[in-house]
Amino acid sequence: MTIRIEDPGRLGPALGEIRKLLGIPRLALARRIAQATGHSIHGVENALKDWDTGKHAPTVSKLGPLLDALGYDLALVPKPDEPEEDS
C-alpha cells in the first residue's frame, strides 16, 4: 500500500493516522522505536504525541526509525508536471 502525503506540514498527523489504522498504540510504537534507537521510551512517546498533533514534524533522522517501526519505507515520488499557464 502506498500513502501519498501532499502537504509536508501534515506529515506528523498523517503518520499518526497510519499508526491508528494499523492498531498500534502510541506507547507500543514508542517502545519499538526506543529499542531500535536507544532513546528513552518517554522521550520517543512525547515526540510521537507532538508529531500526531502537528505541534512538531519529524526530522529526517527521526523519520527512518518511525517508518521502520510502522513497516513502511520512504519513497520520494516525483510530482506530475503541472501544465503551464498562458501569460
Protein backbone atom coordinates (compact mmCIF):
# COMPACT_ATOMS: atom_id res chain seq x y z
CA MET A 1 0.00 0.00 0.00
CA THR A 2 1.31 3.45 -0.90
CA ILE A 3 0.43 6.52 1.12
CA ARG A 4 0.97 9.85 -0.56
CA ILE A 5 1.31 12.95 1.60
CA GLU A 6 0.91 16.08 -0.46
CA ASP A 7 1.36 18.65 2.32
CA PRO A 8 4.67 18.29 4.21
CA GLY A 9 3.09 20.12 7.16
CA ARG A 10 0.70 17.18 7.57
CA LEU A 11 3.41 14.53 7.74
CA GLY A 12 3.27 14.02 11.51
CA PRO A 13 -0.53 13.84 11.76
CA ALA A 14 -0.67 11.57 8.69
CA LEU A 15 1.80 9.17 10.30
CA GLY A 16 -0.30 9.25 13.47
CA GLU A 17 -3.35 8.31 11.43
CA ILE A 18 -1.43 5.41 9.88
CA ARG A 19 -0.40 4.23 13.35
CA LYS A 20 -4.05 4.29 14.44
CA LEU A 21 -5.22 2.47 11.28
CA LEU A 22 -2.64 -0.23 11.96
CA GLY A 23 -3.95 -0.51 15.53
CA ILE A 24 -0.60 0.29 17.12
CA PRO A 25 -0.87 2.18 20.40
CA ARG A 26 1.47 5.17 20.69
CA LEU A 27 3.30 3.61 23.65
CA ALA A 28 3.88 0.34 21.76
CA LEU A 29 5.30 2.27 18.81
CA ALA A 30 7.46 4.32 21.17
CA ARG A 31 8.83 1.08 22.64
CA ARG A 32 9.73 -0.23 19.18
CA ILE A 33 11.48 2.99 18.21
CA ALA A 34 13.25 3.32 21.57
CA GLN A 35 14.52 -0.24 21.34
CA ALA A 36 15.83 0.34 17.80
CA THR A 37 17.44 3.71 18.53
CA GLY A 38 18.47 3.53 22.18
CA HIS A 39 16.39 6.59 23.05
CA SER A 40 14.14 6.70 26.11
CA ILE A 41 10.58 5.44 25.68
CA HIS A 42 9.25 8.55 27.43
CA GLY A 43 11.11 10.90 25.08
CA VAL A 44 10.02 8.99 21.99
CA GLU A 45 6.40 8.88 23.16
CA ASN A 46 6.41 12.65 23.73
CA ALA A 47 7.86 13.21 20.26
CA LEU A 48 5.17 10.96 18.72
CA LYS A 49 2.46 12.93 20.51
CA ASP A 50 3.89 16.21 19.19
CA TRP A 51 4.01 14.79 15.66
CA ASP A 52 0.49 13.33 15.88
CA THR A 53 -0.91 16.72 16.88
CA GLY A 54 1.14 18.69 14.35
CA LYS A 55 2.97 20.59 17.08
CA HIS A 56 6.28 19.47 15.56
CA ALA A 57 7.24 17.48 12.48
CA PRO A 58 9.63 14.53 12.45
CA THR A 59 13.12 15.34 11.23
CA VAL A 60 14.72 13.24 8.52
CA SER A 61 16.88 11.45 11.10
CA LYS A 62 13.80 10.56 13.18
CA LEU A 63 11.64 9.62 10.21
CA GLY A 64 13.59 6.46 9.32
CA PRO A 65 13.11 4.67 12.66
CA LEU A 66 9.44 5.75 12.77
CA LEU A 67 8.68 4.42 9.30
CA ASP A 68 10.66 1.26 10.04
CA ALA A 69 8.60 0.64 13.20
CA LEU A 70 5.40 1.15 11.19
CA GLY A 71 6.62 -1.25 8.49
CA TYR A 72 6.91 1.37 5.74
CA ASP A 73 9.70 2.71 3.53
CA LEU A 74 10.03 6.31 2.43
CA ALA A 75 9.71 6.80 -1.31
CA LEU A 76 10.12 10.13 -3.00
CA VAL A 77 7.75 10.15 -5.93
CA PRO A 78 8.07 12.95 -8.47
CA LYS A 79 5.01 15.11 -8.81
CA PRO A 80 3.30 15.09 -12.19
CA ASP A 81 4.22 18.02 -14.38
CA GLU A 82 1.94 20.98 -13.84
CA PRO A 83 0.52 22.41 -17.06
CA GLU A 84 1.99 25.82 -17.79
CA GLU A 85 -0.44 28.71 -17.63
CA ASP A 86 -0.64 31.13 -20.53
CA SER A 87 0.55 34.61 -19.62
